[in-house]
């Protein structure tokens, strides 16, 4: 039987413990990949909604809608993160979404090129 490997934080780990840790880390990696995919899909949808609203003359972004979403999220925050931590995470998502749609709107706005200035006539 091989000697247990040492983990700096926890001391020696048995083969069973190492397998368990690998399984949990693999599970975390899969969850991280799903989280990333959901966040990226959310960003794409935020841009799509912003373009739709902009084309119809509606406010982009919408602070009232952001407040509604935050209230809905915090109604049942679940267990894990403390409510204050969850609020910070969700606020960051909303803030970054806002930045994204503002940048997107600016990039897609029709350019207002001015005609070249003519020198004044004397």
Protein backbone atom coordinates (compact mmCIF):
# COMPACT_ATOMS: atom_id res chain seq x y z
CA UNK A 1 0.00 0.00 0.00
CA UNK A 2 1.46 3.38 -0.97
CA UNK A 3 2.26 5.86 1.75
CA UNK A 4 -0.37 8.57 2.19
CA UNK A 5 0.39 11.83 0.40
CA UNK A 6 0.55 14.96 2.45
CA UNK A 7 -1.70 17.91 1.90
CA UNK A 8 -0.13 21.04 3.36
CA UNK A 9 -3.39 22.19 4.91
CA UNK A 10 -4.73 18.86 6.16
CA UNK A 11 -1.80 16.49 6.53
CA UNK A 12 -1.69 13.01 4.97
CA UNK A 13 -4.58 11.92 2.73
CA UNK A 14 -5.51 8.32 2.11
CA UNK A 15 -6.18 7.07 -1.41
CA UNK A 16 -9.92 7.09 -0.62
CA UNK A 17 -9.72 10.69 0.54
CA UNK A 18 -7.75 11.71 -2.57
CA UNK A 19 -10.35 10.04 -4.82
CA UNK A 20 -13.13 11.79 -2.93
CA UNK A 21 -11.38 15.14 -3.26
CA UNK A 22 -10.81 14.57 -7.01
CA UNK A 23 -14.51 13.74 -7.48
CA UNK A 24 -15.57 16.86 -5.58
CA UNK A 25 -13.16 19.03 -7.57
CA UNK A 26 -14.41 17.53 -10.83
CA UNK A 27 -17.95 18.31 -9.72
CA UNK A 28 -16.87 21.90 -8.94
CA UNK A 29 -15.20 22.19 -12.37
CA UNK A 30 -18.42 21.06 -14.09
CA UNK A 31 -20.45 23.51 -12.03
CA UNK A 32 -18.00 26.33 -12.85
CA UNK A 33 -18.34 25.56 -16.56
CA UNK A 34 -22.15 25.68 -16.28
CA UNK A 35 -21.98 28.92 -14.30
CA UNK A 36 -19.73 30.49 -16.93
CA UNK A 37 -22.06 29.36 -19.74
CA UNK A 38 -25.11 30.79 -17.93
CA UNK A 39 -23.35 34.10 -17.25
CA UNK A 40 -22.27 34.40 -20.89
CA UNK A 41 -25.78 33.54 -22.10
CA UNK A 42 -27.17 36.15 -19.71
CA UNK A 43 -24.77 38.74 -21.16
CA UNK A 44 -25.88 37.90 -24.71
CA UNK A 45 -29.53 38.16 -23.73
CA UNK A 46 -28.94 41.49 -21.96
CA UNK A 47 -27.46 42.90 -25.19
CA UNK A 48 -30.35 41.51 -27.26
CA UNK A 49 -32.90 43.07 -24.89
CA UNK A 50 -31.02 46.39 -24.86
CA UNK A 51 -31.00 46.53 -28.67
CA UNK A 52 -34.71 45.69 -28.79
CA UNK A 53 -35.49 48.41 -26.24
CA UNK A 54 -33.24 50.96 -27.92
CA UNK A 55 -34.95 50.37 -31.28
CA UNK A 56 -38.29 51.19 -29.62
CA UNK A 57 -37.06 54.24 -27.75
CA UNK A 58 -37.18 52.60 -24.32
CA UNK A 59 -34.72 53.30 -21.52
CA UNK A 60 -31.55 51.26 -21.58
CA UNK A 61 -30.61 50.29 -18.87
CA UNK A 62 -33.65 50.11 -16.60
CA UNK A 63 -32.91 50.74 -12.90
CA UNK A 64 -36.44 49.79 -11.89
CA UNK A 65 -36.09 46.38 -13.57
CA UNK A 66 -32.72 45.82 -11.89
CA UNK A 67 -34.29 46.55 -8.49
CA UNK A 68 -37.14 44.10 -9.26
CA UNK A 69 -34.66 41.37 -10.17
CA UNK A 70 -32.62 41.97 -7.02
CA UNK A 71 -35.75 41.79 -4.84
CA UNK A 72 -36.85 38.57 -6.55
CA UNK A 73 -33.42 36.99 -6.12
CA UNK A 74 -33.22 37.94 -2.46
CA UNK A 75 -36.74 36.69 -1.63
CA UNK A 76 -35.39 33.13 -1.45
CA UNK A 77 -31.60 33.37 -1.31
CA UNK A 78 -31.17 29.72 -0.31
CA UNK A 79 -28.27 28.45 1.75
CA UNK A 80 -24.57 28.83 1.11
CA UNK A 81 -23.63 32.46 0.67
CA UNK A 82 -24.71 34.93 3.34
CA UNK A 83 -27.37 37.35 2.05
CA UNK A 84 -24.93 40.29 2.05
CA UNK A 85 -22.38 38.29 0.02
CA UNK A 86 -25.07 37.14 -2.39
CA UNK A 87 -26.23 40.74 -2.83
CA UNK A 88 -22.66 41.80 -3.70
CA UNK A 89 -22.32 39.00 -6.24
CA UNK A 90 -25.67 39.77 -7.85
CA UNK A 91 -24.96 43.53 -7.80
CA UNK A 92 -21.69 42.84 -9.65
CA UNK A 93 -23.58 40.82 -12.29
CA UNK A 94 -26.07 43.67 -12.75
CA UNK A 95 -23.30 46.31 -12.85
CA UNK A 96 -21.28 44.38 -15.43
CA UNK A 97 -24.43 43.74 -17.50
CA UNK A 98 -25.15 47.47 -17.44
CA UNK A 99 -21.61 48.25 -18.61
CA UNK A 100 -21.93 45.68 -21.37
CA UNK A 101 -25.22 47.03 -22.74
CA UNK A 102 -24.03 50.64 -22.54
CA UNK A 103 -20.85 49.71 -24.48
CA UNK A 104 -22.90 47.72 -26.95
CA UNK A 105 -25.35 50.58 -27.47
CA UNK A 106 -22.48 53.01 -28.03
CA UNK A 107 -20.80 50.65 -30.50
CA UNK A 108 -24.04 50.17 -32.46
CA UNK A 109 -25.21 53.78 -32.38
CA UNK A 110 -25.20 55.51 -35.74
CA UNK A 111 -22.14 57.65 -36.01
CA UNK A 112 -22.65 61.37 -36.16
CA UNK A 113 -19.85 62.46 -38.37
CA UNK A 114 -19.65 66.16 -38.86
CA UNK A 115 -18.92 67.67 -42.17
CA UNK A 116 -15.40 69.05 -42.39
CA UNK A 117 -15.18 72.63 -41.17
CA UNK A 118 -14.57 75.19 -43.84
CA UNK A 119 -12.28 78.07 -43.13
CA UNK A 120 -14.15 81.31 -42.51
CA UNK A 121 -14.44 83.76 -45.43
CA UNK A 122 -12.67 87.03 -44.90
